Amino acid sequence: ARTATRTTALRPSGPSGAIPTAPSHAFAPTSFLPGPPRGPSGPVAAAGEGEVVTGHDRVGPGDLPWRIFRSATLLLAVLWGMGLAVPIGPLREAMTSPAVAEIRVESMSGKGETGLERFAVGTDPSGLPEYIPEAEDRRGAPELPEGELIRATWPSHSGFKPRALSRAPHGQQLVVADDFGVYVGQLFAEQAAPAPALRSQAGAGAAVVHSVRFRKAPPCAALEGHALKDISVACSEGASPVCRVLVLHAHGQRLVECPLFSPAPDVAGALAQSGEGLLTPSRPSLTWEISSDWLHGHNHHGRESVESVAVNNECLGGAFNPNKVGCVVVGTTSGRIVQLRGHLTNETRLVPERAVQQWSQAVDHGSLHVFPNGYV
């Protein structure tokens, strides 16, 4: 016997017109509207009504906005993650370093000789691209040997704290600077007693060690009342080299050439044995003002300023001459390494020539040095 199924239409009940308890077929799952009357085999379409095709049978309402919101949220999370990774040193250098392409062009020297010269695409201090000639040194870059301990005798006052270190090109004269003074010392060899734990062993004799005693450098009137930032030493060639120390001061805005004691050949050996090199200095000092128009304003490093300096020893003849490109190299708090040259009309002013490299951190004092073959 077949049991008749009776379909009961849902009618609103109650003061608010709500259905107290709705069965599972009360609302269509895609439209959330009251469903059609149901028969024994499912919903019964009303007479004269065809199948309505709206696409909601495949994608319900609210699904598309949800997908857009999810994609936008994921994109925002990825951008935040990239922003956190940018300050990391290697990634920042890879993203900010300019593209360098090897270019070879035919050039002619002053002697009329032609040949191929290698250029690289770099940037000038303003950030514009430029061609930078590269010197091909067949000797290769210099290799730094392992460090050697040096017995140092520092100045006796308690407030001394070395800030910068430099050396003469011949390697026998060391120069250090604290906040307000320059000190120079001559390297010499002396006998050092063995360690107490090795004195009882056979053959544990005195060892030869290098020592240096730092003393106050000659007075430099241009440094009176100024705090020092960095130093670099340049010496002339010949049997009796004359050394000068270039001091960066005035918050990186001035470069001063100050005298150093240069021993004569007949007394150089005696001074080396005593660790002294105190003789009459030569001519008075010179001062150059470093242009500040090329320095960046406020950024995440703060206001950019010159922090370190290195000079090329080949620029010192009778006097230091920074007119040639590469004689003075400076580093800034924003990580830029820039070559300076003398102004075309103002001999006491230094202006930027080209940007050599960009670091991810500040180029601190004492971190720059120019080797004899031009490498920085």
Protein backbone atom coordinates (compact mmCIF):
# COMPACT_ATOMS: atom_id res chain seq x y z
CA ALA A 1 0.00 0.00 0.00
CA ARG A 2 1.29 3.41 -0.85
CA THR A 3 1.30 5.96 1.87
CA ALA A 4 0.36 9.42 0.71
CA THR A 5 2.82 12.09 1.57
CA ARG A 6 1.28 15.31 2.62
CA THR A 7 3.17 18.48 1.92
CA THR A 8 2.57 21.19 4.43
CA ALA A 9 3.45 24.75 3.44
CA LEU A 10 5.45 26.68 5.97
CA ARG A 11 3.55 29.66 7.23
CA PRO A 12 4.97 32.39 9.41
CA SER A 13 3.77 32.20 12.96
CA GLY A 14 4.29 34.36 15.96
CA PRO A 15 4.29 38.12 16.36
CA SER A 16 7.50 38.57 14.36
CA GLY A 17 6.53 36.30 11.49
CA ALA A 18 9.35 33.82 12.23
CA ILE A 19 9.14 30.04 12.06
CA PRO A 20 10.04 28.59 15.47
CA THR A 21 11.54 25.34 14.20
CA ALA A 22 12.44 25.03 10.52
CA PRO A 23 13.18 21.62 8.97
CA SER A 24 16.28 21.01 6.87
CA HIS A 25 14.45 21.69 3.59
CA ALA A 26 13.02 25.01 4.72
CA PHE A 27 15.64 27.16 2.95
CA ALA A 28 17.53 26.61 -0.26
CA PRO A 29 21.26 26.22 0.53
CA THR A 30 22.28 28.65 -2.23
CA SER A 31 19.76 31.45 -1.87
CA PHE A 32 18.67 31.25 1.79
CA LEU A 33 15.07 31.75 0.61
CA PRO A 34 12.14 29.53 1.56
CA GLY A 35 12.27 26.44 -0.59
CA PRO A 36 9.53 25.27 -2.98
CA PRO A 37 6.93 22.73 -1.88
CA ARG A 38 8.41 19.28 -1.66
CA GLY A 39 6.84 16.17 -3.11
CA PRO A 40 7.66 12.48 -2.57
CA SER A 41 10.66 12.70 -4.90
CA GLY A 42 11.86 16.22 -4.04
CA PRO A 43 10.94 19.85 -4.63
CA VAL A 44 7.92 20.51 -6.83
CA ALA A 45 8.15 23.41 -9.24
CA ALA A 46 5.17 25.69 -9.51
CA ALA A 47 3.13 25.64 -12.69
CA GLY A 48 4.47 27.89 -15.39
CA GLU A 49 7.89 28.24 -13.75
CA GLY A 50 10.99 27.06 -15.55
CA GLU A 51 14.40 26.33 -14.17
CA VAL A 52 16.12 29.52 -13.06
CA VAL A 53 19.79 29.58 -13.98
CA THR A 54 21.65 32.19 -11.94
CA GLY A 55 24.99 30.56 -11.25
CA HIS A 56 24.25 30.40 -7.54
CA ASP A 57 24.05 26.64 -7.80
CA ARG A 58 27.82 26.65 -8.33
CA VAL A 59 29.03 29.68 -6.32
CA GLY A 60 26.99 30.85 -3.36
CA PRO A 61 26.46 34.50 -2.45
CA GLY A 62 29.39 36.00 -0.52
CA ASP A 63 31.93 33.53 -1.91
CA LEU A 64 33.48 35.93 -4.46
CA PRO A 65 34.01 38.81 -1.97
CA TRP A 66 35.49 36.33 0.47
CA ARG A 67 37.95 35.09 -2.13
CA ILE A 68 38.97 38.69 -3.03
CA PHE A 69 39.44 39.57 0.64
CA ARG A 70 41.54 36.46 1.24
CA SER A 71 43.78 37.17 -1.77
CA ALA A 72 44.27 40.80 -0.71
CA THR A 73 45.15 39.69 2.83
CA LEU A 74 47.70 37.17 1.56
CA LEU A 75 49.25 39.82 -0.72
CA LEU A 76 49.49 42.26 2.20
CA ALA A 77 51.16 39.59 4.35
CA VAL A 78 53.71 38.85 1.61
CA LEU A 79 54.52 42.56 1.22
CA TRP A 80 54.98 42.92 4.97
CA GLY A 81 57.33 39.93 4.98
CA MET A 82 59.39 41.43 2.16
CA GLY A 83 59.55 44.73 4.04
CA LEU A 84 60.94 42.96 7.10
CA ALA A 85 63.58 41.18 4.99
CA VAL A 86 64.83 44.27 3.11
CA PRO A 87 66.96 45.68 6.01
CA ILE A 88 68.96 42.43 6.16
CA GLY A 89 72.47 43.14 4.86
CA PRO A 90 72.95 40.67 1.94
CA LEU A 91 69.41 41.14 0.63
CA ARG A 92 69.62 44.93 0.85
CA GLU A 93 72.96 45.00 -0.97
CA ALA A 94 71.56 42.76 -3.69
CA MET A 95 68.52 45.02 -4.16
CA THR A 96 70.26 48.41 -3.90
CA SER A 97 73.56 47.73 -5.66
CA PRO A 98 73.50 49.07 -9.22
CA ALA A 99 73.76 46.68 -12.11
CA VAL A 100 77.34 46.45 -13.35
CA ALA A 101 78.01 45.43 -16.93
CA GLU A 102 81.45 44.74 -18.34
CA ILE A 103 82.10 47.01 -21.31
CA ARG A 104 85.28 47.19 -23.40
CA VAL A 105 85.89 50.16 -25.67
CA GLU A 106 88.77 51.16 -27.91
CA SER A 107 90.71 54.05 -26.40
CA MET A 108 93.77 56.09 -27.29
CA SER A 109 96.37 57.16 -24.75
CA GLY A 110 98.26 60.45 -24.69
CA LYS A 111 101.18 58.76 -26.44
CA GLY A 112 99.01 57.84 -29.43
CA GLU A 113 98.73 54.16 -28.46
CA THR A 114 95.38 52.47 -28.96
CA GLY A 115 93.99 49.55 -27.05
CA LEU A 116 90.98 48.10 -25.30
CA GLU A 117 89.97 49.58 -21.98
CA ARG A 118 87.44 48.03 -19.63
CA PHE A 119 84.58 50.12 -18.26
CA ALA A 120 81.85 49.40 -15.75
CA VAL A 121 78.43 51.00 -15.49
CA GLY A 122 78.18 52.67 -12.09
CA THR A 123 76.57 55.74 -10.58
CA ASP A 124 77.78 59.23 -9.80
CA PRO A 125 77.12 60.86 -6.38
CA SER A 126 73.72 62.09 -7.57
CA GLY A 127 72.64 58.55 -8.52
CA LEU A 128 72.84 58.98 -12.30
CA PRO A 129 74.52 56.21 -14.34
CA GLU A 130 78.04 56.76 -15.65
CA TYR A 131 80.91 54.78 -17.18
CA ILE A 132 83.73 54.05 -14.74
CA PRO A 133 87.12 52.97 -16.17
CA GLU A 134 88.63 49.97 -14.43
CA ALA A 135 92.37 49.54 -14.19
CA GLU A 136 93.46 46.01 -15.06
CA ASP A 137 96.14 45.18 -12.51
CA ARG A 138 97.77 41.90 -13.48
CA ARG A 139 99.23 41.56 -10.03
CA GLY A 140 95.72 41.14 -8.66
CA ALA A 141 94.26 42.46 -5.47
CA PRO A 142 96.60 42.57 -2.46
CA GLU A 143 96.27 39.76 0.03
CA LEU A 144 96.16 40.78 3.66
CA PRO A 145 98.44 38.61 5.83
CA GLU A 146 97.45 37.26 9.20
CA GLY A 147 97.42 39.68 12.10
CA GLU A 148 100.42 40.13 14.39
CA LEU A 149 100.36 41.18 18.02
CA ILE A 150 102.19 44.42 18.76
CA ARG A 151 103.17 45.53 22.24
CA ALA A 152 101.84 49.09 22.51
CA THR A 153 102.56 51.74 25.11
CA TRP A 154 99.65 54.14 25.13
CA PRO A 155 99.54 57.72 26.42
CA SER A 156 99.34 57.82 30.19
CA HIS A 157 96.26 60.01 30.72
CA SER A 158 93.18 58.05 31.75
CA GLY A 159 90.85 59.70 29.25
CA PHE A 160 92.70 58.31 26.21
CA LYS A 161 90.56 56.09 24.00
CA PRO A 162 91.78 55.38 20.45
CA ARG A 163 89.18 56.10 17.78
CA ALA A 164 91.11 55.74 14.51
CA LEU A 165 94.29 54.00 13.35
CA SER A 166 96.46 54.52 10.28
CA ARG A 167 99.99 53.76 9.20
CA ALA A 168 102.68 55.11 6.92
CA PRO A 169 103.05 53.30 3.57
CA HIS A 170 106.45 51.89 4.58
CA GLY A 171 104.71 50.27 7.56
CA GLN A 172 107.10 51.42 10.30
CA GLN A 173 105.12 54.39 11.60
CA LEU A 174 101.72 54.03 13.26
CA VAL A 175 99.35 56.90 13.95
CA VAL A 176 96.32 56.81 16.24
CA ALA A 177 93.80 59.47 17.19
CA ASP A 178 91.40 59.91 20.04
CA ASP A 179 88.67 62.53 20.27
CA PHE A 180 91.03 65.51 20.55
CA GLY A 181 94.59 64.53 19.63
CA VAL A 182 96.89 62.67 17.25
CA TYR A 183 99.61 60.32 18.48
CA VAL A 184 102.47 58.79 16.51
CA GLY A 185 104.82 55.91 17.22
CA GLN A 186 107.69 54.12 15.48
CA LEU A 187 107.72 50.33 15.31
CA PHE A 188 110.83 48.66 16.74
CA ALA A 189 111.86 45.15 17.75
CA GLU A 190 112.71 44.23 21.33
CA GLN A 191 113.35 41.14 23.40
CA ALA A 192 110.38 39.88 25.39
CA ALA A 193 110.64 37.48 28.31
CA PRO A 194 108.81 34.15 27.88
CA ALA A 195 105.53 33.51 29.62
CA PRO A 196 105.79 32.32 33.26
CA ALA A 197 104.42 28.89 32.32
CA LEU A 198 107.24 28.39 29.76
CA ARG A 199 110.20 29.62 31.79
CA SER A 200 110.91 26.16 33.22
CA GLN A 201 111.02 24.51 29.79
CA ALA A 202 114.32 23.98 28.06
CA GLY A 203 115.05 26.39 25.23
CA ALA A 204 112.36 28.86 26.30
CA GLY A 205 114.40 31.99 25.72
CA ALA A 206 113.46 35.57 25.05
CA ALA A 207 111.39 36.16 21.92
CA VAL A 208 111.59 39.11 19.55
CA VAL A 209 108.37 41.12 19.43
CA HIS A 210 107.38 44.35 17.70
CA SER A 211 106.63 47.26 19.97
CA VAL A 212 105.49 50.83 19.62
CA ARG A 213 105.35 53.78 22.01
CA PHE A 214 102.82 56.43 21.09
CA ARG A 215 103.66 60.06 21.76
CA LYS A 216 101.88 63.30 21.04
CA ALA A 217 102.21 64.44 17.42
CA PRO A 218 103.40 67.98 16.59
CA PRO A 219 100.84 70.71 17.29
CA CYS A 220 98.37 71.40 14.50
CA ALA A 221 96.73 74.80 14.85
CA ALA A 222 93.84 73.91 12.53
CA LEU A 223 92.67 71.19 14.94
CA GLU A 224 92.48 73.42 18.01
CA GLY A 225 89.06 73.05 19.63
CA HIS A 226 87.76 70.42 17.18
CA ALA A 227 86.76 66.79 17.67
CA LEU A 228 88.51 64.34 15.33
CA LYS A 229 86.69 61.74 13.25
CA ASP A 230 89.29 59.84 11.20
CA ILE A 231 92.90 60.00 10.02
CA SER A 232 95.00 58.80 7.10
CA VAL A 233 98.75 59.02 6.49
CA ALA A 234 100.59 59.82 3.25
CA CYS A 235 104.38 59.84 2.79
CA SER A 236 106.59 61.04 -0.02
CA GLU A 237 108.98 58.72 -1.85
CA GLY A 238 112.76 58.74 -1.49
CA ALA A 239 115.47 58.01 1.04
CA SER A 240 114.12 60.66 3.44
CA PRO A 241 110.32 60.39 3.21
CA VAL A 242 108.20 63.21 4.58
CA CYS A 243 104.93 62.03 6.10
CA ARG A 244 101.78 64.02 6.65
CA VAL A 245 98.60 63.00 8.47
CA LEU A 246 95.25 63.98 6.96
CA VAL A 247 92.67 64.53 9.70
CA LEU A 248 88.91 64.56 9.17
CA HIS A 249 87.17 66.83 11.68
CA ALA A 250 84.37 69.42 12.10
CA HIS A 251 81.68 66.70 11.83
CA GLY A 252 83.18 65.46 8.57
CA GLN A 253 83.15 68.87 6.89
CA ARG A 254 86.90 69.65 6.83
CA LEU A 255 90.10 67.81 5.98
CA VAL A 256 93.33 69.11 7.52
CA GLU A 257 96.91 68.24 6.60
CA CYS A 258 99.00 68.16 9.76
CA PRO A 259 102.75 67.49 10.13
CA LEU A 260 104.32 64.28 11.38
CA PHE A 261 107.82 63.82 12.69
CA SER A 262 110.08 62.39 9.99
CA PRO A 263 113.47 61.07 11.13
CA ALA A 264 116.54 61.78 9.09
CA PRO A 265 118.41 58.76 7.66
CA ASP A 266 121.35 59.00 10.09
CA VAL A 267 119.16 58.94 13.19
CA ALA A 268 116.29 56.79 11.99
CA GLY A 269 117.82 53.64 13.43
CA ALA A 270 118.39 55.17 16.84
CA LEU A 271 114.86 56.53 16.98
CA ALA A 272 113.44 53.15 16.00
CA GLN A 273 115.27 51.47 18.86
CA SER A 274 113.78 53.93 21.35
CA GLY A 275 110.35 53.97 19.77
CA GLU A 276 110.52 57.74 19.18
CA GLY A 277 110.33 59.76 16.02
CA LEU A 278 110.20 63.28 17.35
CA LEU A 279 112.01 65.74 15.13
CA THR A 280 111.24 69.20 13.85
CA PRO A 281 108.13 69.15 11.65
CA SER A 282 108.01 70.73 8.23
CA ARG A 283 105.76 73.46 6.79
CA PRO A 284 102.44 74.56 8.35
CA SER A 285 99.18 72.69 7.80
CA LEU A 286 96.60 73.13 5.03
CA THR A 287 92.81 72.87 5.26
CA TRP A 288 90.19 71.79 2.71
CA GLU A 289 86.45 72.14 3.08
CA ILE A 290 84.34 69.18 1.94
CA SER A 291 81.23 70.14 -0.01
CA SER A 292 78.01 69.06 1.71
CA ASP A 293 75.49 69.66 -1.09
CA TRP A 294 75.76 66.06 -2.31
CA LEU A 295 74.96 64.55 1.10
CA HIS A 296 71.46 63.18 1.56
CA GLY A 297 68.96 64.73 3.93
CA HIS A 298 67.09 62.87 6.64
CA ASN A 299 66.53 59.15 5.98
CA HIS A 300 66.50 55.97 8.06
CA HIS A 301 70.21 56.59 8.83
CA GLY A 302 69.52 60.17 9.93
CA ARG A 303 71.23 63.06 8.19
CA GLU A 304 74.12 61.77 6.06
CA SER A 305 77.62 62.95 6.99
CA VAL A 306 81.20 62.03 6.12
CA GLU A 307 82.48 59.50 8.66
CA SER A 308 85.79 58.13 7.35
CA VAL A 309 88.62 59.10 5.01
CA ALA A 310 91.53 57.50 3.16
CA VAL A 311 94.16 59.17 0.96
CA ASN A 312 96.32 57.91 -1.87
CA ASN A 313 100.03 58.07 -1.10
CA GLU A 314 100.84 58.83 -4.75
CA CYS A 315 99.22 62.27 -4.39
CA LEU A 316 101.91 63.50 -1.99
CA GLY A 317 104.78 65.19 -3.77
CA GLY A 318 106.24 68.24 -2.10
CA ALA A 319 102.77 68.74 -0.62
CA PHE A 320 99.52 66.81 -0.63
CA ASN A 321 97.57 67.62 -3.80
CA PRO A 322 93.98 66.31 -3.90
CA ASN A 323 93.18 67.67 -7.37
CA LYS A 324 93.44 64.27 -9.04
CA VAL A 325 90.54 61.82 -8.88
CA GLY A 326 91.18 59.08 -6.33
CA CYS A 327 93.48 61.07 -4.06
CA VAL A 328 90.77 61.32 -1.38
CA VAL A 329 88.15 58.64 -0.68
CA VAL A 330 85.50 59.17 1.99
CA GLY A 331 82.80 57.01 3.54
CA THR A 332 79.45 58.27 4.81
CA THR A 333 76.97 57.29 7.49
CA SER A 334 74.61 56.06 4.75
CA GLY A 335 77.18 53.53 3.50
CA ARG A 336 78.37 55.41 0.41
CA ILE A 337 82.05 55.38 -0.61
CA VAL A 338 82.79 58.45 -2.75
CA GLN A 339 85.92 59.71 -4.49
CA LEU A 340 86.64 63.42 -4.02
CA ARG A 341 88.73 65.84 -6.06
CA GLY A 342 89.71 69.48 -5.83
CA HIS A 343 87.33 72.18 -7.00
CA LEU A 344 88.10 73.62 -10.43
CA THR A 345 88.30 77.22 -9.19
CA ASN A 346 88.54 76.93 -5.40
CA GLU A 347 91.71 75.13 -4.31
CA THR A 348 90.54 74.80 -0.70
CA ARG A 349 87.31 72.95 -1.52
CA LEU A 350 86.75 69.24 -2.23
CA VAL A 351 83.81 68.07 -4.34
CA PRO A 352 82.58 64.53 -5.22
CA GLU A 353 83.70 62.92 -8.46
CA ARG A 354 82.01 59.50 -8.41
CA ALA A 355 80.40 57.00 -6.06
CA VAL A 356 82.54 53.87 -5.79
CA GLN A 357 80.32 51.54 -3.78
CA GLN A 358 77.21 51.41 -1.60
CA TRP A 359 77.22 49.53 1.72
CA SER A 360 74.23 48.53 3.79
CA GLN A 361 75.75 50.04 6.94
CA ALA A 362 77.74 53.14 7.82
CA VAL A 363 81.40 53.30 6.75
CA ASP A 364 82.89 53.86 10.20
CA HIS A 365 86.16 55.65 10.88
CA GLY A 366 89.23 53.50 10.38
CA SER A 367 87.57 51.19 7.84
CA LEU A 368 89.02 52.72 4.63
CA HIS A 369 92.55 52.34 3.26
CA VAL A 370 94.04 52.92 -0.20
CA PHE A 371 96.65 50.36 -1.29
CA PRO A 372 99.61 51.33 -3.51
CA ASN A 373 97.98 49.76 -6.58
CA GLY A 374 94.82 51.85 -6.17
CA TYR A 375 92.58 49.30 -4.48
CA VAL A 376 90.38 50.68 -1.67
